[in-house]
Amino acid sequence: MSPLFLHQFASPIGSILLVTDAAGQLRALDFLDYRERMDRLLARHYGPVTLADAPTPAPLAQALADYFAGDLTALDRVAVATNGTDFQKSVWHALRAIPAGQTVTYGDLARRLGQPTAMRAVGLANGANPIGIVVPCHRVIGANGTLTGYAGGLERKRWLLAHESAAGLPLLEQIAEKRHRSGA
Protein backbone atom coordinates (compact mmCIF):
# COMPACT_ATOMS: atom_id res chain seq x y z
CA MET A 1 0.00 0.00 0.00
CA SER A 2 1.32 3.40 -0.93
CA PRO A 3 1.47 6.06 1.79
CA LEU A 4 -1.74 7.69 2.96
CA PHE A 5 -2.03 11.33 3.91
CA LEU A 6 -4.25 12.96 6.52
CA HIS A 7 -5.82 16.35 5.95
CA GLN A 8 -8.27 18.47 7.89
CA PHE A 9 -11.01 20.61 6.35
CA ALA A 10 -13.20 23.13 8.19
CA SER A 11 -16.85 22.76 7.24
CA PRO A 12 -20.09 24.37 8.46
CA ILE A 13 -20.90 21.12 10.27
CA GLY A 14 -17.56 20.49 11.93
CA SER A 15 -13.97 19.64 11.15
CA ILE A 16 -13.65 16.94 8.54
CA LEU A 17 -10.75 14.51 8.29
CA LEU A 18 -9.71 13.46 4.80
CA VAL A 19 -7.37 10.63 3.86
CA THR A 20 -5.86 10.56 0.39
CA ASP A 21 -3.34 8.39 -1.37
CA ALA A 22 -0.25 9.56 -3.26
CA ALA A 23 -2.36 10.14 -6.39
CA GLY A 24 -4.71 12.46 -4.47
CA GLN A 25 -7.62 10.00 -4.52
CA LEU A 26 -9.89 10.22 -1.51
CA ARG A 27 -9.71 7.06 0.61
CA ALA A 28 -11.64 8.20 3.69
CA LEU A 29 -13.69 11.14 4.93
CA ASP A 30 -15.07 11.43 8.44
CA PHE A 31 -15.68 14.03 11.08
CA LEU A 32 -12.98 14.83 13.62
CA ASP A 33 -15.21 13.65 16.47
CA TYR A 34 -15.55 10.28 14.68
CA ARG A 35 -11.82 9.71 14.20
CA GLU A 36 -11.96 6.28 15.88
CA ARG A 37 -14.54 5.08 13.34
CA MET A 38 -12.39 6.30 10.47
CA ASP A 39 -9.27 4.61 11.87
CA ARG A 40 -11.22 1.37 12.34
CA LEU A 41 -12.46 1.42 8.72
CA LEU A 42 -8.99 2.22 7.39
CA ALA A 43 -7.50 -0.71 9.36
CA ARG A 44 -10.26 -3.02 8.13
CA HIS A 45 -9.68 -2.07 4.50
CA TYR A 46 -5.91 -1.53 4.40
CA GLY A 47 -4.43 -3.16 7.48
CA PRO A 48 -2.19 -1.12 9.76
CA VAL A 49 -1.67 2.31 8.24
CA THR A 50 0.39 5.32 9.15
CA LEU A 51 -1.10 8.64 8.17
CA ALA A 52 1.25 11.49 7.34
CA ASP A 53 -0.08 15.01 7.87
CA ALA A 54 -0.22 16.96 4.64
CA PRO A 55 -1.97 19.95 3.12
CA THR A 56 -5.28 19.08 1.48
CA PRO A 57 -4.86 18.62 -2.28
CA ALA A 58 -6.16 21.79 -3.95
CA PRO A 59 -8.74 20.06 -6.20
CA LEU A 60 -10.24 18.23 -3.19
CA ALA A 61 -10.31 21.34 -1.02
CA GLN A 62 -11.92 23.32 -3.84
CA ALA A 63 -14.58 20.67 -4.49
CA LEU A 64 -15.51 20.56 -0.79
CA ALA A 65 -15.55 24.35 -0.52
CA ASP A 66 -17.74 24.58 -3.63
CA TYR A 67 -20.12 21.93 -2.28
CA PHE A 68 -20.56 23.69 1.05
CA ALA A 69 -21.00 27.00 -0.84
CA GLY A 70 -23.94 25.49 -2.74
CA ASP A 71 -22.48 23.82 -5.85
CA LEU A 72 -24.04 20.44 -5.21
CA THR A 73 -22.36 18.81 -8.22
CA ALA A 74 -18.85 19.76 -7.05
CA LEU A 75 -18.31 16.44 -5.28
CA ASP A 76 -18.87 14.57 -8.55
CA ARG A 77 -15.37 15.59 -9.59
CA VAL A 78 -13.69 14.08 -6.51
CA ALA A 79 -11.72 10.95 -7.37
CA VAL A 80 -12.27 8.19 -4.81
CA ALA A 81 -10.64 4.82 -4.23
CA THR A 82 -11.96 2.37 -1.70
CA ASN A 83 -11.21 -1.11 -0.61
CA GLY A 84 -14.12 -3.34 0.30
CA THR A 85 -16.05 -6.31 -0.97
CA ASP A 86 -17.46 -6.26 -4.48
CA PHE A 87 -20.94 -5.86 -2.96
CA GLN A 88 -19.86 -2.91 -0.80
CA LYS A 89 -18.24 -1.25 -3.78
CA SER A 90 -21.44 -1.71 -5.81
CA VAL A 91 -23.46 -0.07 -3.02
CA TRP A 92 -21.00 2.82 -2.73
CA HIS A 93 -21.06 3.30 -6.50
CA ALA A 94 -24.88 3.35 -6.45
CA LEU A 95 -24.82 5.93 -3.66
CA ARG A 96 -22.88 8.32 -5.89
CA ALA A 97 -25.66 8.03 -8.49
CA ILE A 98 -28.30 9.46 -6.10
CA PRO A 99 -28.74 13.10 -7.10
CA ALA A 100 -28.38 15.81 -4.47
CA GLY A 101 -31.75 16.81 -3.08
CA GLN A 102 -33.15 13.30 -3.40
CA THR A 103 -33.39 10.44 -0.96
CA VAL A 104 -33.85 6.72 -1.41
CA THR A 105 -34.64 3.90 0.98
CA TYR A 106 -32.49 0.87 1.62
CA GLY A 107 -35.07 -1.14 -0.35
CA ASP A 108 -34.85 1.29 -3.28
CA LEU A 109 -31.09 0.93 -3.31
CA ALA A 110 -31.29 -2.88 -3.13
CA ARG A 111 -33.70 -2.90 -6.09
CA ARG A 112 -31.38 -0.61 -8.07
CA LEU A 113 -28.63 -3.16 -7.51
CA GLY A 114 -30.89 -5.96 -8.79
CA GLN A 115 -31.04 -7.56 -5.32
CA PRO A 116 -34.46 -6.54 -3.96
CA THR A 117 -34.19 -8.68 -0.82
CA ALA A 118 -30.75 -7.36 0.17
CA MET A 119 -31.97 -4.34 2.16
CA ARG A 120 -30.09 -5.32 5.31
CA ALA A 121 -26.88 -6.01 3.38
CA VAL A 122 -27.26 -2.63 1.68
CA GLY A 123 -27.68 -1.05 5.12
CA LEU A 124 -24.52 -2.71 6.40
CA ALA A 125 -22.53 -1.62 3.33
CA ASN A 126 -23.96 1.88 3.68
CA GLY A 127 -22.83 1.96 7.32
CA ALA A 128 -19.34 0.81 6.35
CA ASN A 129 -18.90 3.58 3.77
CA PRO A 130 -15.48 5.12 4.46
CA ILE A 131 -16.13 8.26 2.40
CA GLY A 132 -19.13 10.05 3.84
CA ILE A 133 -20.60 13.09 2.07
CA VAL A 134 -18.71 12.41 -1.21
CA VAL A 135 -20.20 8.92 -1.29
CA PRO A 136 -23.54 10.25 -0.04
CA CYS A 137 -24.80 7.64 2.40
CA HIS A 138 -26.73 10.46 4.09
CA ARG A 139 -29.23 10.30 1.19
CA VAL A 140 -30.53 6.92 2.36
CA ILE A 141 -33.52 6.97 4.69
CA GLY A 142 -35.74 4.36 6.32
CA ALA A 143 -38.69 2.85 4.43
CA ASN A 144 -41.06 4.82 6.65
CA GLY A 145 -39.31 8.10 5.88
CA THR A 146 -37.28 8.28 9.09
CA LEU A 147 -33.77 9.64 9.16
CA THR A 148 -32.01 6.44 10.06
CA GLY A 149 -28.51 6.33 11.50
CA TYR A 150 -25.66 8.32 10.08
CA ALA A 151 -22.04 7.86 11.10
CA GLY A 152 -21.63 11.62 11.52
CA GLY A 153 -24.78 11.95 13.64
CA LEU A 154 -28.40 12.60 12.71
CA GLU A 155 -28.08 16.38 13.09
CA ARG A 156 -25.38 16.40 10.40
CA LYS A 157 -27.50 14.14 8.19
CA ARG A 158 -30.43 16.53 8.61
CA TRP A 159 -28.16 19.49 7.78
CA LEU A 160 -26.75 17.80 4.67
CA LEU A 161 -30.21 16.89 3.37
CA ALA A 162 -31.49 20.41 3.96
CA HIS A 163 -28.36 21.85 2.29
CA GLU A 164 -28.83 19.63 -0.75
CA SER A 165 -32.54 20.11 -1.14
CA ALA A 166 -33.40 22.63 -3.84
CA ALA A 167 -36.39 23.55 -1.70
CA GLY A 168 -34.41 23.58 1.57
CA LEU A 169 -36.35 22.35 4.59
CA PRO A 170 -39.40 21.15 2.59
CA LEU A 171 -37.43 17.95 1.79
CA LEU A 172 -37.24 17.22 5.51
CA GLU A 173 -40.95 18.01 5.78
CA GLN A 174 -41.62 15.48 3.01
CA ILE A 175 -39.62 12.88 4.93
CA ALA A 176 -41.60 13.71 8.08
CA GLU A 177 -44.84 13.37 6.13
CA LYS A 178 -43.83 9.91 4.83
CA ARG A 179 -43.06 8.95 8.41
CA HIS A 180 -46.40 10.27 9.62
CA ARG A 181 -48.34 8.41 6.90
CA SER A 182 -46.61 5.15 7.80
CA GLY A 183 -47.51 5.55 11.45
CA ALA A 184 -43.90 5.65 12.65
C-alpha atoms as a PDB file:
ATOM      1  CA  MET A   1       0.000   0.000   0.000  1.00  0.00           C
ATOM      2  CA  SER A   2       1.321   3.401  -0.926  1.00  0.00           C
ATOM      3  CA  PRO A   3       1.474   6.058   1.786  1.00  0.00           C
ATOM      4  CA  LEU A   4      -1.738   7.686   2.965  1.00  0.00           C
ATOM      5  CA  PHE A   5      -2.033  11.333   3.915  1.00  0.00           C
ATOM      6  CA  LEU A   6      -4.249  12.963   6.518  1.00  0.00           C
ATOM      7  CA  HIS A   7      -5.821  16.345   5.950  1.00  0.00           C
ATOM      8  CA  GLN A   8      -8.275  18.471   7.889  1.00  0.00           C
ATOM      9  CA  PHE A   9     -11.011  20.608   6.347  1.00  0.00           C
ATOM     10  CA  ALA A  10     -13.196  23.126   8.187  1.00  0.00           C
ATOM     11  CA  SER A  11     -16.851  22.765   7.237  1.00  0.00           C
ATOM     12  CA  PRO A  12     -20.090  24.366   8.456  1.00  0.00           C
ATOM     13  CA  ILE A  13     -20.902  21.117  10.273  1.00  0.00           C
ATOM     14  CA  GLY A  14     -17.556  20.492  11.930  1.00  0.00           C
ATOM     15  CA  SER A  15     -13.967  19.635  11.154  1.00  0.00           C
ATOM     16  CA  ILE A  16     -13.647  16.941   8.538  1.00  0.00           C
ATOM     17  CA  LEU A  17     -10.754  14.509   8.289  1.00  0.00           C
ATOM     18  CA  LEU A  18      -9.707  13.463   4.805  1.00  0.00           C
ATOM     19  CA  VAL A  19      -7.374  10.625   3.864  1.00  0.00           C
ATOM     20  CA  THR A  20      -5.861  10.556   0.391  1.00  0.00           C
ATOM     21  CA  ASP A  21      -3.338   8.395  -1.374  1.00  0.00           C
ATOM     22  CA  ALA A  22      -0.250   9.562  -3.259  1.00  0.00           C
ATOM     23  CA  ALA A  23      -2.364  10.137  -6.389  1.00  0.00           C
ATOM     24  CA  GLY A  24      -4.707  12.455  -4.468  1.00  0.00           C
ATOM     25  CA  GLN A  25      -7.619  10.003  -4.524  1.00  0.00           C
ATOM     26  CA  LEU A  26      -9.890  10.218  -1.507  1.00  0.00           C
ATOM     27  CA  ARG A  27      -9.715   7.058   0.609  1.00  0.00           C
ATOM     28  CA  ALA A  28     -11.644   8.197   3.693  1.00  0.00           C
ATOM     29  CA  LEU A  29     -13.688  11.139   4.929  1.00  0.00           C
ATOM     30  CA  ASP A  30     -15.068  11.431   8.436  1.00  0.00           C
ATOM     31  CA  PHE A  31     -15.679  14.031  11.083  1.00  0.00           C
ATOM     32  CA  LEU A  32     -12.979  14.827  13.616  1.00  0.00           C
ATOM     33  CA  ASP A  33     -15.209  13.652  16.475  1.00  0.00           C
ATOM     34  CA  TYR A  34     -15.553  10.276  14.680  1.00  0.00           C
ATOM     35  CA  ARG A  35     -11.821   9.707  14.196  1.00  0.00           C
ATOM     36  CA  GLU A  36     -11.960   6.277  15.879  1.00  0.00           C
ATOM     37  CA  ARG A  37     -14.540   5.080  13.341  1.00  0.00           C
ATOM     38  CA  MET A  38     -12.389   6.304  10.467  1.00  0.00           C
ATOM     39  CA  ASP A  39      -9.272   4.614  11.867  1.00  0.00           C
ATOM     40  CA  ARG A  40     -11.218   1.367  12.342  1.00  0.00           C
ATOM     41  CA  LEU A  41     -12.464   1.418   8.721  1.00  0.00           C
ATOM     42  CA  LEU A  42      -8.986   2.216   7.393  1.00  0.00           C
ATOM     43  CA  ALA A  43      -7.502  -0.710   9.363  1.00  0.00           C
ATOM     44  CA  ARG A  44     -10.263  -3.019   8.134  1.00  0.00           C
ATOM     45  CA  HIS A  45      -9.679  -2.072   4.496  1.00  0.00           C
ATOM     46  CA  TYR A  46      -5.911  -1.533   4.401  1.00  0.00           C
ATOM     47  CA  GLY A  47      -4.430  -3.163   7.482  1.00  0.00           C
ATOM     48  CA  PRO A  48      -2.185  -1.122   9.759  1.00  0.00           C
ATOM     49  CA  VAL A  49      -1.674   2.312   8.243  1.00  0.00           C
ATOM     50  CA  THR A  50       0.386   5.322   9.153  1.00  0.00           C
ATOM     51  CA  LEU A  51      -1.098   8.640   8.168  1.00  0.00           C
ATOM     52  CA  ALA A  52       1.254  11.492   7.345  1.00  0.00           C
ATOM     53  CA  ASP A  53      -0.076  15.014   7.874  1.00  0.00           C
ATOM     54  CA  ALA A  54      -0.221  16.957   4.639  1.00  0.00           C
ATOM     55  CA  PRO A  55      -1.967  19.950   3.121  1.00  0.00           C
ATOM     56  CA  THR A  56      -5.281  19.082   1.477  1.00  0.00           C
ATOM     57  CA  PRO A  57      -4.855  18.618  -2.281  1.00  0.00           C
ATOM     58  CA  ALA A  58      -6.163  21.787  -3.946  1.00  0.00           C
ATOM     59  CA  PRO A  59      -8.742  20.062  -6.196  1.00  0.00           C
ATOM     60  CA  LEU A  60     -10.242  18.233  -3.191  1.00  0.00           C
ATOM     61  CA  ALA A  61     -10.305  21.343  -1.018  1.00  0.00           C
ATOM     62  CA  GLN A  62     -11.920  23.321  -3.841  1.00  0.00           C
ATOM     63  CA  ALA A  63     -14.580  20.666  -4.488  1.00  0.00           C
ATOM     64  CA  LEU A  64     -15.508  20.561  -0.791  1.00  0.00           C
ATOM     65  CA  ALA A  65     -15.554  24.354  -0.517  1.00  0.00           C
ATOM     66  CA  ASP A  66     -17.737  24.578  -3.632  1.00  0.00           C
ATOM     67  CA  TYR A  67     -20.119  21.928  -2.280  1.00  0.00           C
ATOM     68  CA  PHE A  68     -20.563  23.695   1.047  1.00  0.00           C
ATOM     69  CA  ALA A  69     -21.003  27.004  -0.842  1.00  0.00           C
ATOM     70  CA  GLY A  70     -23.938  25.495  -2.739  1.00  0.00           C
ATOM     71  CA  ASP A  71     -22.483  23.823  -5.853  1.00  0.00           C
ATOM     72  CA  LEU A  72     -24.038  20.437  -5.207  1.00  0.00           C
ATOM     73  CA  THR A  73     -22.364  18.813  -8.216  1.00  0.00           C
ATOM     74  CA  ALA A  74     -18.852  19.761  -7.045  1.00  0.00           C
ATOM     75  CA  LEU A  75     -18.310  16.438  -5.280  1.00  0.00           C
ATOM     76  CA  ASP A  76     -18.874  14.565  -8.546  1.00  0.00           C
ATOM     77  CA  ARG A  77     -15.370  15.587  -9.591  1.00  0.00           C
ATOM     78  CA  VAL A  78     -13.695  14.076  -6.507  1.00  0.00           C
ATOM     79  CA  ALA A  79     -11.717  10.946  -7.367  1.00  0.00           C
ATOM     80  CA  VAL A  80     -12.275   8.189  -4.806  1.00  0.00           C
ATOM     81  CA  ALA A  81     -10.643   4.822  -4.234  1.00  0.00           C
ATOM     82  CA  THR A  82     -11.963   2.369  -1.699  1.00  0.00           C
ATOM     83  CA  ASN A  83     -11.211  -1.114  -0.607  1.00  0.00           C
ATOM     84  CA  GLY A  84     -14.116  -3.338   0.295  1.00  0.00           C
ATOM     85  CA  THR A  85     -16.047  -6.306  -0.966  1.00  0.00           C
ATOM     86  CA  ASP A  86     -17.462  -6.257  -4.475  1.00  0.00           C
ATOM     87  CA  PHE A  87     -20.937  -5.856  -2.962  1.00  0.00           C
ATOM     88  CA  GLN A  88     -19.857  -2.915  -0.796  1.00  0.00           C
ATOM     89  CA  LYS A  89     -18.241  -1.246  -3.784  1.00  0.00           C
ATOM     90  CA  SER A  90     -21.437  -1.705  -5.810  1.00  0.00           C
ATOM     91  CA  VAL A  91     -23.462  -0.067  -3.025  1.00  0.00           C
ATOM     92  CA  TRP A  92     -20.995   2.816  -2.731  1.00  0.00           C
ATOM     93  CA  HIS A  93     -21.058   3.304  -6.501  1.00  0.00           C
ATOM     94  CA  ALA A  94     -24.883   3.345  -6.447  1.00  0.00           C
ATOM     95  CA  LEU A  95     -24.823   5.934  -3.661  1.00  0.00           C
ATOM     96  CA  ARG A  96     -22.880   8.320  -5.891  1.00  0.00           C
ATOM     97  CA  ALA A  97     -25.657   8.035  -8.486  1.00  0.00           C
ATOM     98  CA  ILE A  98     -28.296   9.462  -6.101  1.00  0.00           C
ATOM     99  CA  PRO A  99     -28.739  13.105  -7.101  1.00  0.00           C
ATOM    100  CA  ALA A 100     -28.382  15.809  -4.467  1.00  0.00           C
ATOM    101  CA  GLY A 101     -31.751  16.807  -3.082  1.00  0.00           C
ATOM    102  CA  GLN A 102     -33.149  13.296  -3.400  1.00  0.00           C
ATOM    103  CA  THR A 103     -33.385  10.445  -0.958  1.00  0.00           C
ATOM    104  CA  VAL A 104     -33.851   6.715  -1.409  1.00  0.00           C
ATOM    105  CA  THR A 105     -34.642   3.902   0.976  1.00  0.00           C
ATOM    106  CA  TYR A 106     -32.486   0.865   1.624  1.00  0.00           C
ATOM    107  CA  GLY A 107     -35.071  -1.136  -0.346  1.00  0.00           C
ATOM    108  CA  ASP A 108     -34.851   1.288  -3.279  1.00  0.00           C
ATOM    109  CA  LEU A 109     -31.093   0.927  -3.311  1.00  0.00           C
ATOM    110  CA  ALA A 110     -31.291  -2.878  -3.130  1.00  0.00           C
ATOM    111  CA  ARG A 111     -33.699  -2.895  -6.091  1.00  0.00           C
ATOM    112  CA  ARG A 112     -31.380  -0.610  -8.068  1.00  0.00           C
ATOM    113  CA  LEU A 113     -28.630  -3.160  -7.511  1.00  0.00           C
ATOM    114  CA  GLY A 114     -30.886  -5.956  -8.791  1.00  0.00           C
ATOM    115  CA  GLN A 115     -31.041  -7.560  -5.324  1.00  0.00           C
ATOM    116  CA  PRO A 116     -34.461  -6.542  -3.956  1.00  0.00           C
ATOM    117  CA  THR A 117     -34.185  -8.676  -0.815  1.00  0.00           C
ATOM    118  CA  ALA A 118     -30.748  -7.356   0.174  1.00  0.00           C
ATOM    119  CA  MET A 119     -31.973  -4.341   2.156  1.00  0.00           C
ATOM    120  CA  ARG A 120     -30.087  -5.318   5.306  1.00  0.00           C
ATOM    121  CA  ALA A 121     -26.878  -6.013   3.383  1.00  0.00           C
ATOM    122  CA  VAL A 122     -27.258  -2.626   1.680  1.00  0.00           C
ATOM    123  CA  GLY A 123     -27.684  -1.049   5.120  1.00  0.00           C
ATOM    124  CA  LEU A 124     -24.515  -2.708   6.396  1.00  0.00           C
ATOM    125  CA  ALA A 125     -22.529  -1.624   3.334  1.00  0.00           C
ATOM    126  CA  ASN A 126     -23.959   1.882   3.683  1.00  0.00           C
ATOM    127  CA  GLY A 127     -22.830   1.964   7.317  1.00  0.00           C
ATOM    128  CA  ALA A 128     -19.335   0.806   6.351  1.00  0.00           C
ATOM    129  CA  ASN A 129     -18.904   3.580   3.773  1.00  0.00           C
ATOM    130  CA  PRO A 130     -15.479   5.119   4.462  1.00  0.00           C
ATOM    131  CA  ILE A 131     -16.126   8.259   2.399  1.00  0.00           C
ATOM    132  CA  GLY A 132     -19.128  10.052   3.838  1.00  0.00           C
ATOM    133  CA  ILE A 133     -20.599  13.091   2.072  1.00  0.00           C
ATOM    134  CA  VAL A 134     -18.708  12.415  -1.205  1.00  0.00           C
ATOM    135  CA  VAL A 135     -20.202   8.916  -1.290  1.00  0.00           C
ATOM    136  CA  PRO A 136     -23.544  10.252  -0.038  1.00  0.00           C
ATOM    137  CA  CYS A 137     -24.797   7.642   2.397  1.00  0.00           C
ATOM    138  CA  HIS A 138     -26.730  10.462   4.088  1.00  0.00           C
ATOM    139  CA  ARG A 139     -29.231  10.304   1.188  1.00  0.00           C
ATOM    140  CA  VAL A 140     -30.531   6.923   2.358  1.00  0.00           C
ATOM    141  CA  ILE A 141     -33.520   6.967   4.692  1.00  0.00           C
ATOM    142  CA  GLY A 142     -35.737   4.357   6.321  1.00  0.00           C
ATOM    143  CA  ALA A 143     -38.688   2.850   4.434  1.00  0.00           C
ATOM    144  CA  ASN A 144     -41.061   4.818   6.647  1.00  0.00           C
ATOM    145  CA  GLY A 145     -39.309   8.102   5.883  1.00  0.00           C
ATOM    146  CA  THR A 146     -37.280   8.278   9.088  1.00  0.00           C
ATOM    147  CA  LEU A 147     -33.772   9.642   9.156  1.00  0.00           C
ATOM    148  CA  THR A 148     -32.005   6.445  10.065  1.00  0.00           C
ATOM    149  CA  GLY A 149     -28.508   6.327  11.500  1.00  0.00           C
ATOM    150  CA  TYR A 150     -25.659   8.320  10.078  1.00  0.00           C
ATOM    151  CA  ALA A 151     -22.042   7.864  11.097  1.00  0.00           C
ATOM    152  CA  GLY A 152     -21.631  11.624  11.517  1.00  0.00           C
ATOM    153  CA  GLY A 153     -24.781  11.947  13.644  1.00  0.00           C
ATOM    154  CA  LEU A 154     -28.395  12.595  12.707  1.00  0.00           C
ATOM    155  CA  GLU A 155     -28.078  16.377  13.086  1.00  0.00           C
ATOM    156  CA  ARG A 156     -25.384  16.402  10.403  1.00  0.00           C
ATOM    157  CA  LYS A 157     -27.505  14.143   8.195  1.00  0.00           C
ATOM    158  CA  ARG A 158     -30.431  16.526   8.609  1.00  0.00           C
ATOM    159  CA  TRP A 159     -28.162  19.494   7.783  1.00  0.00           C
ATOM    160  CA  LEU A 160     -26.747  17.795   4.669  1.00  0.00           C
ATOM    161  CA  LEU A 161     -30.210  16.891   3.371  1.00  0.00           C
ATOM    162  CA  ALA A 162     -31.488  20.413   3.956  1.00  0.00           C
ATOM    163  CA  HIS A 163     -28.359  21.855   2.289  1.00  0.00           C
ATOM    164  CA  GLU A 164     -28.831  19.631  -0.752  1.00  0.00           C
ATOM    165  CA  SER A 165     -32.545  20.114  -1.138  1.00  0.00           C
ATOM    166  CA  ALA A 166     -33.402  22.626  -3.839  1.00  0.00           C
ATOM    167  CA  ALA A 167     -36.391  23.553  -1.703  1.00  0.00           C
ATOM    168  CA  GLY A 168     -34.408  23.581   1.575  1.00  0.00           C
ATOM    169  CA  LEU A 169     -36.351  22.352   4.592  1.00  0.00           C
ATOM    170  CA  PRO A 170     -39.401  21.148   2.586  1.00  0.00           C
ATOM    171  CA  LEU A 171     -37.431  17.954   1.792  1.00  0.00           C
ATOM    172  CA  LEU A 172     -37.243  17.220   5.506  1.00  0.00           C
ATOM    173  CA  GLU A 173     -40.946  18.013   5.781  1.00  0.00           C
ATOM    174  CA  GLN A 174     -41.615  15.477   3.006  1.00  0.00           C
ATOM    175  CA  ILE A 175     -39.615  12.881   4.929  1.00  0.00           C
ATOM    176  CA  ALA A 176     -41.599  13.706   8.080  1.00  0.00           C
ATOM    177  CA  GLU A 177     -44.844  13.367   6.125  1.00  0.00           C
ATOM    178  CA  LYS A 178     -43.831   9.907   4.831  1.00  0.00           C
ATOM    179  CA  ARG A 179     -43.057   8.950   8.407  1.00  0.00           C
ATOM    180  CA  HIS A 180     -46.400  10.274   9.623  1.00  0.00           C
ATOM    181  CA  ARG A 181     -48.339   8.410   6.900  1.00  0.00           C
ATOM    182  CA  SER A 182     -46.610   5.151   7.797  1.00  0.00           C
ATOM    183  CA  GLY A 183     -47.511   5.549  11.455  1.00  0.00           C
ATOM    184  CA  ALA A 184     -43.902   5.648  12.646  1.00  0.00           C
END
